[in-house]
Every structure is written in structure tokens, then in C-alpha cells.
């Protein structure tokens, strides 16, 4: 997982990666309205 990855030792990087995955999850979960999530990012 991200926590075990080398970059995961850096809080800022890990947080960014987690945000990217969360963003992707929202995009795939609601593909009809990706702009709504992007607008709040």
C-alpha cells in the first residue's frame, strides 16, 4: 500500500497520493459528474 511505499514516509507526499486515489475513486464512482468533484478539489 501507500504507507509501505518509500515516498509514503513523507506525510505531504503520502497525503497527496491519498488525495489522488480518493479523487479517482470519486471520479469512477460518479463518472456523470466529475466536474463537481474537480470544482471542490
Protein backbone atom coordinates (compact mmCIF):
# COMPACT_ATOMS: atom_id res chain seq x y z
CA UNK A 1 0.00 0.00 0.00
CA UNK A 2 0.93 3.68 0.03
CA UNK A 3 2.07 3.53 3.66
CA UNK A 4 4.69 0.90 2.78
CA UNK A 5 5.97 2.82 -0.24
CA UNK A 6 9.25 4.78 0.11
CA UNK A 7 7.52 8.09 -0.61
CA UNK A 8 4.92 7.16 1.98
CA UNK A 9 7.44 8.15 4.64
CA UNK A 10 6.86 11.77 3.66
CA UNK A 11 3.48 12.93 5.09
CA UNK A 12 2.99 15.54 2.37
CA UNK A 13 3.63 13.05 -0.43
CA UNK A 14 1.52 10.34 1.17
CA UNK A 15 -1.31 12.82 1.66
CA UNK A 16 -1.08 13.88 -1.98
CA UNK A 17 -1.17 10.27 -3.17
CA UNK A 18 -4.12 9.51 -0.93
CA UNK A 19 -5.92 12.54 -2.34
CA UNK A 20 -5.20 11.36 -5.88
CA UNK A 21 -6.66 7.92 -5.14
CA UNK A 22 -9.66 9.46 -3.38
CA UNK A 23 -10.20 11.78 -6.33
CA UNK A 24 -10.02 8.84 -8.75
CA UNK A 25 -12.44 6.87 -6.59
CA UNK A 26 -14.96 9.71 -6.71
CA UNK A 27 -14.49 10.10 -10.45
CA UNK A 28 -15.14 6.40 -11.10
CA UNK A 29 -17.98 6.32 -8.60
CA UNK A 30 -19.72 9.28 -10.22
CA UNK A 31 -18.45 9.49 -13.84
CA UNK A 32 -21.50 11.50 -14.85
CA UNK A 33 -20.49 14.45 -12.67
CA UNK A 34 -16.67 14.57 -12.43
CA UNK A 35 -16.71 18.35 -12.71
CA UNK A 36 -18.48 18.63 -9.35
CA UNK A 37 -15.62 16.87 -7.57
CA UNK A 38 -12.97 18.79 -9.51
CA UNK A 39 -14.64 22.06 -8.59
CA UNK A 40 -14.31 21.26 -4.90
CA UNK A 41 -10.75 19.93 -5.17
